[in-house]
Amino acid sequence: MGFGTPPTVLEGDYSDWTIYDTVLDTDARNTHGFQEAYFNKLETEILIIDYFSSKVKKYTIDTKTLSTATTVTLDSSDTDILHPGQSVQGTYISHHPVTGGNVYVWKNGILTKTFVPTDLGILAGGILGSWMSPSGKYIVVCGKTAEPDVVSWVVLVGS
């Protein structure tokens, strides 16, 4: 018996996230608070912004490609905007301390996963940011590398 349209599923059911891809970015500054990452609605692309260099790039998830940088005029005060560190309904939350320590992922208020920077190929204490996709399927982490002005973007996928 059908009683209308079934509800749209806004979030997935994930309990683990593993490395999907790692991309080095020579246009970004490895300083905390200068990066942002935004997922599109379909979770097929990630817009990556570096406020220090005023560079914007697009990462395509399926092809694991990072576009060339576009230079735009950005206001450095924009770095205070809210980081999208949770899924659309708040089931999943990713968080990292300002000190650059680990990335923590909660599901329904329970700590589910901890990512140590070195496990992600990032320098110890070098996490610069973490962002969650709307469904909770993807997490993108930005972190310091051994090179002064090269950051690593690590895309994690949930299962």
C-alpha atoms as a PDB file:
ATOM      1  CA  MET A   1       0.000   0.000   0.000  1.00  0.00           C
ATOM      2  CA  GLY A   2       1.393   3.342  -0.936  1.00  0.00           C
ATOM      3  CA  PHE A   3       0.656   6.406   1.088  1.00  0.00           C
ATOM      4  CA  GLY A   4       2.550   9.097  -0.743  1.00  0.00           C
ATOM      5  CA  THR A   5       6.180   9.633  -1.528  1.00  0.00           C
ATOM      6  CA  PRO A   6       8.729   8.075   0.821  1.00  0.00           C
ATOM      7  CA  PRO A   7      10.874  10.584   2.695  1.00  0.00           C
ATOM      8  CA  THR A   8      14.136  11.710   1.151  1.00  0.00           C
ATOM      9  CA  VAL A   9      17.135  10.166   2.892  1.00  0.00           C
ATOM     10  CA  LEU A  10      19.356  13.089   3.836  1.00  0.00           C
ATOM     11  CA  GLU A  11      22.134  11.201   5.614  1.00  0.00           C
ATOM     12  CA  GLY A  12      23.803   7.843   5.206  1.00  0.00           C
ATOM     13  CA  ASP A  13      24.586   5.209   7.814  1.00  0.00           C
ATOM     14  CA  TYR A  14      28.344   5.281   8.292  1.00  0.00           C
ATOM     15  CA  SER A  15      30.477   3.870  11.065  1.00  0.00           C
ATOM     16  CA  ASP A  16      33.957   4.152   9.566  1.00  0.00           C
ATOM     17  CA  TRP A  17      35.819   6.505   7.236  1.00  0.00           C
ATOM     18  CA  THR A  18      38.963   5.638   5.283  1.00  0.00           C
ATOM     19  CA  ILE A  19      41.284   7.590   3.001  1.00  0.00           C
ATOM     20  CA  TYR A  20      39.770   7.951  -0.461  1.00  0.00           C
ATOM     21  CA  ASP A  21      42.358  10.340  -1.893  1.00  0.00           C
ATOM     22  CA  THR A  22      45.152  12.734  -0.938  1.00  0.00           C
ATOM     23  CA  VAL A  23      46.029  15.829  -2.964  1.00  0.00           C
ATOM     24  CA  LEU A  24      48.938  18.199  -2.402  1.00  0.00           C
ATOM     25  CA  ASP A  25      48.134  21.867  -2.912  1.00  0.00           C
ATOM     26  CA  THR A  26      50.965  24.298  -3.643  1.00  0.00           C
ATOM     27  CA  ASP A  27      48.604  27.291  -3.799  1.00  0.00           C
ATOM     28  CA  ALA A  28      47.503  27.079  -0.162  1.00  0.00           C
ATOM     29  CA  ARG A  29      49.208  28.484   2.912  1.00  0.00           C
ATOM     30  CA  ASN A  30      49.847  25.943   5.674  1.00  0.00           C
ATOM     31  CA  THR A  31      48.546  28.224   8.411  1.00  0.00           C
ATOM     32  CA  HIS A  32      45.489  27.456  10.532  1.00  0.00           C
ATOM     33  CA  GLY A  33      42.317  29.350   9.697  1.00  0.00           C
ATOM     34  CA  PHE A  34      43.011  30.192   6.077  1.00  0.00           C
ATOM     35  CA  GLN A  35      41.257  27.242   4.390  1.00  0.00           C
ATOM     36  CA  GLU A  36      37.623  26.311   3.744  1.00  0.00           C
ATOM     37  CA  ALA A  37      36.001  23.383   1.945  1.00  0.00           C
ATOM     38  CA  TYR A  38      32.393  23.164   0.763  1.00  0.00           C
ATOM     39  CA  PHE A  39      30.608  20.181  -0.759  1.00  0.00           C
ATOM     40  CA  ASN A  40      28.012  20.623  -3.476  1.00  0.00           C
ATOM     41  CA  LYS A  41      24.515  19.228  -2.888  1.00  0.00           C
ATOM     42  CA  LEU A  42      25.162  16.017  -4.840  1.00  0.00           C
ATOM     43  CA  GLU A  43      28.502  15.483  -3.061  1.00  0.00           C
ATOM     44  CA  THR A  44      30.348  15.173  -6.344  1.00  0.00           C
ATOM     45  CA  GLU A  45      32.574  18.236  -5.961  1.00  0.00           C
ATOM     46  CA  ILE A  46      34.345  20.136  -3.216  1.00  0.00           C
ATOM     47  CA  LEU A  47      35.078  23.844  -3.503  1.00  0.00           C
ATOM     48  CA  ILE A  48      38.433  24.513  -1.818  1.00  0.00           C
ATOM     49  CA  ILE A  49      39.289  28.051  -0.754  1.00  0.00           C
ATOM     50  CA  ASP A  50      42.582  29.423   0.545  1.00  0.00           C
ATOM     51  CA  TYR A  51      42.075  32.919   1.920  1.00  0.00           C
ATOM     52  CA  PHE A  52      45.771  33.730   2.293  1.00  0.00           C
ATOM     53  CA  SER A  53      46.547  33.236  -1.394  1.00  0.00           C
ATOM     54  CA  SER A  54      43.030  34.204  -2.607  1.00  0.00           C
ATOM     55  CA  LYS A  55      42.926  30.952  -4.593  1.00  0.00           C
ATOM     56  CA  VAL A  56      39.850  28.838  -5.233  1.00  0.00           C
ATOM     57  CA  LYS A  57      39.896  25.310  -6.686  1.00  0.00           C
ATOM     58  CA  LYS A  58      37.389  22.577  -7.401  1.00  0.00           C
ATOM     59  CA  TYR A  59      38.041  18.958  -6.451  1.00  0.00           C
ATOM     60  CA  THR A  60      35.979  16.393  -8.384  1.00  0.00           C
ATOM     61  CA  ILE A  61      35.381  13.340  -6.202  1.00  0.00           C
ATOM     62  CA  ASP A  62      34.733  10.685  -8.879  1.00  0.00           C
ATOM     63  CA  THR A  63      37.815  11.530 -10.948  1.00  0.00           C
ATOM     64  CA  LYS A  64      40.018  12.542  -7.989  1.00  0.00           C
ATOM     65  CA  THR A  65      41.088  15.700  -9.791  1.00  0.00           C
ATOM     66  CA  LEU A  66      41.877  19.174  -8.507  1.00  0.00           C
ATOM     67  CA  SER A  67      41.317  22.027 -10.922  1.00  0.00           C
ATOM     68  CA  THR A  68      43.808  24.782 -11.520  1.00  0.00           C
ATOM     69  CA  ALA A  69      43.498  27.714  -9.169  1.00  0.00           C
ATOM     70  CA  THR A  70      41.394  30.755  -9.846  1.00  0.00           C
ATOM     71  CA  THR A  71      42.435  33.965  -8.123  1.00  0.00           C
ATOM     72  CA  VAL A  72      39.570  35.889  -6.553  1.00  0.00           C
ATOM     73  CA  THR A  73      39.323  38.864  -4.236  1.00  0.00           C
ATOM     74  CA  LEU A  74      38.678  37.515  -0.750  1.00  0.00           C
ATOM     75  CA  ASP A  75      38.295  39.386   2.501  1.00  0.00           C
ATOM     76  CA  SER A  76      40.514  37.855   5.188  1.00  0.00           C
ATOM     77  CA  SER A  77      37.769  38.543   7.725  1.00  0.00           C
ATOM     78  CA  ASP A  78      35.747  35.870   5.911  1.00  0.00           C
ATOM     79  CA  THR A  79      37.884  33.241   7.636  1.00  0.00           C
ATOM     80  CA  ASP A  80      35.576  33.579  10.654  1.00  0.00           C
ATOM     81  CA  ILE A  81      32.623  32.021   8.860  1.00  0.00           C
ATOM     82  CA  LEU A  82      31.097  28.824  10.214  1.00  0.00           C
ATOM     83  CA  HIS A  83      32.932  25.652   9.257  1.00  0.00           C
ATOM     84  CA  PRO A  84      30.487  23.047   7.973  1.00  0.00           C
ATOM     85  CA  GLY A  85      31.673  20.334  10.364  1.00  0.00           C
ATOM     86  CA  GLN A  86      28.426  18.420  10.571  1.00  0.00           C
ATOM     87  CA  SER A  87      26.020  16.522   8.372  1.00  0.00           C
ATOM     88  CA  VAL A  88      22.748  18.140   7.346  1.00  0.00           C
ATOM     89  CA  GLN A  89      20.750  16.714  10.268  1.00  0.00           C
ATOM     90  CA  GLY A  90      23.608  16.732  12.756  1.00  0.00           C
ATOM     91  CA  THR A  91      23.972  12.947  12.996  1.00  0.00           C
ATOM     92  CA  TYR A  92      27.656  13.200  12.107  1.00  0.00           C
ATOM     93  CA  ILE A  93      30.069  15.830  13.409  1.00  0.00           C
ATOM     94  CA  SER A  94      33.760  16.214  12.608  1.00  0.00           C
ATOM     95  CA  HIS A  95      35.860  18.434  14.815  1.00  0.00           C
ATOM     96  CA  HIS A  96      39.495  19.358  15.276  1.00  0.00           C
ATOM     97  CA  PRO A  97      40.996  21.549  17.976  1.00  0.00           C
ATOM     98  CA  VAL A  98      42.559  24.870  17.065  1.00  0.00           C
ATOM     99  CA  THR A  99      45.879  23.455  18.242  1.00  0.00           C
ATOM    100  CA  GLY A 100      45.993  21.195  15.186  1.00  0.00           C
ATOM    101  CA  GLY A 101      45.593  17.899  17.047  1.00  0.00           C
ATOM    102  CA  ASN A 102      43.433  14.956  15.985  1.00  0.00           C
ATOM    103  CA  VAL A 103      40.200  14.974  13.992  1.00  0.00           C
ATOM    104  CA  TYR A 104      37.281  13.500  15.928  1.00  0.00           C
ATOM    105  CA  VAL A 105      34.072  12.144  14.366  1.00  0.00           C
ATOM    106  CA  TRP A 106      30.863  11.667  16.327  1.00  0.00           C
ATOM    107  CA  LYS A 107      27.755   9.765  15.266  1.00  0.00           C
ATOM    108  CA  ASN A 108      24.603  10.462  17.263  1.00  0.00           C
ATOM    109  CA  GLY A 109      26.685  12.005  20.033  1.00  0.00           C
ATOM    110  CA  ILE A 110      29.072   9.050  20.371  1.00  0.00           C
ATOM    111  CA  LEU A 111      32.746   9.381  19.476  1.00  0.00           C
ATOM    112  CA  THR A 112      33.073   6.969  16.573  1.00  0.00           C
ATOM    113  CA  LYS A 113      36.432   7.664  14.981  1.00  0.00           C
ATOM    114  CA  THR A 114      39.671   9.510  15.762  1.00  0.00           C
ATOM    115  CA  PHE A 115      42.136  10.459  13.042  1.00  0.00           C
ATOM    116  CA  VAL A 116      45.722  11.112  14.111  1.00  0.00           C
ATOM    117  CA  PRO A 117      47.404  13.581  11.707  1.00  0.00           C
ATOM    118  CA  THR A 118      50.320  11.275  10.871  1.00  0.00           C
ATOM    119  CA  ASP A 119      47.870   8.501   9.881  1.00  0.00           C
ATOM    120  CA  LEU A 120      46.583  10.918   7.232  1.00  0.00           C
ATOM    121  CA  GLY A 121      50.042  11.859   5.988  1.00  0.00           C
ATOM    122  CA  ILE A 122      49.885  15.188   7.808  1.00  0.00           C
ATOM    123  CA  LEU A 123      52.541  16.484  10.204  1.00  0.00           C
ATOM    124  CA  ALA A 124      51.904  15.855  13.905  1.00  0.00           C
ATOM    125  CA  GLY A 125      49.856  18.759  15.251  1.00  0.00           C
ATOM    126  CA  GLY A 126      49.308  19.939  11.679  1.00  0.00           C
ATOM    127  CA  ILE A 127      45.545  19.652  11.145  1.00  0.00           C
ATOM    128  CA  LEU A 128      44.351  22.949   9.669  1.00  0.00           C
ATOM    129  CA  GLY A 129      40.687  22.109   9.172  1.00  0.00           C
ATOM    130  CA  SER A 130      38.084  19.388   8.717  1.00  0.00           C
ATOM    131  CA  TRP A 131      34.732  19.552   6.959  1.00  0.00           C
ATOM    132  CA  MET A 132      31.841  17.088   6.712  1.00  0.00           C
ATOM    133  CA  SER A 133      29.675  16.524   3.639  1.00  0.00           C
ATOM    134  CA  PRO A 134      25.895  16.984   4.020  1.00  0.00           C
ATOM    135  CA  SER A 135      25.176  13.207   4.139  1.00  0.00           C
ATOM    136  CA  GLY A 136      28.150  12.404   6.369  1.00  0.00           C
ATOM    137  CA  LYS A 137      29.677  10.228   3.645  1.00  0.00           C
ATOM    138  CA  TYR A 138      32.760  12.371   3.082  1.00  0.00           C
ATOM    139  CA  ILE A 139      35.130  14.260   5.347  1.00  0.00           C
ATOM    140  CA  VAL A 140      37.854  16.468   3.936  1.00  0.00           C
ATOM    141  CA  VAL A 141      40.857  17.296   6.110  1.00  0.00           C
ATOM    142  CA  CYS A 142      43.450  19.954   5.371  1.00  0.00           C
ATOM    143  CA  GLY A 143      46.849  19.719   6.993  1.00  0.00           C
ATOM    144  CA  LYS A 144      50.457  20.795   7.040  1.00  0.00           C
ATOM    145  CA  THR A 145      53.157  18.991   5.108  1.00  0.00           C
ATOM    146  CA  ALA A 146      56.926  19.219   5.509  1.00  0.00           C
ATOM    147  CA  GLU A 147      57.025  21.827   2.725  1.00  0.00           C
ATOM    148  CA  PRO A 148      56.467  25.421   3.974  1.00  0.00           C
ATOM    149  CA  ASP A 149      53.640  26.387   1.615  1.00  0.00           C
ATOM    150  CA  VAL A 150      52.181  23.049   0.589  1.00  0.00           C
ATOM    151  CA  VAL A 151      49.101  21.622   2.249  1.00  0.00           C
ATOM    152  CA  SER A 152      47.581  18.188   1.977  1.00  0.00           C
ATOM    153  CA  TRP A 153      43.861  17.761   1.341  1.00  0.00           C
ATOM    154  CA  VAL A 154      42.758  14.311   2.466  1.00  0.00           C
ATOM    155  CA  VAL A 155      39.351  13.099   1.341  1.00  0.00           C
ATOM    156  CA  LEU A 156      37.845  10.389   3.562  1.00  0.00           C
ATOM    157  CA  VAL A 157      34.895   8.230   2.537  1.00  0.00           C
ATOM    158  CA  GLY A 158      32.432   6.582   4.862  1.00  0.00           C
ATOM    159  CA  SER A 159      31.328   2.972   4.880  1.00  0.00           C
END
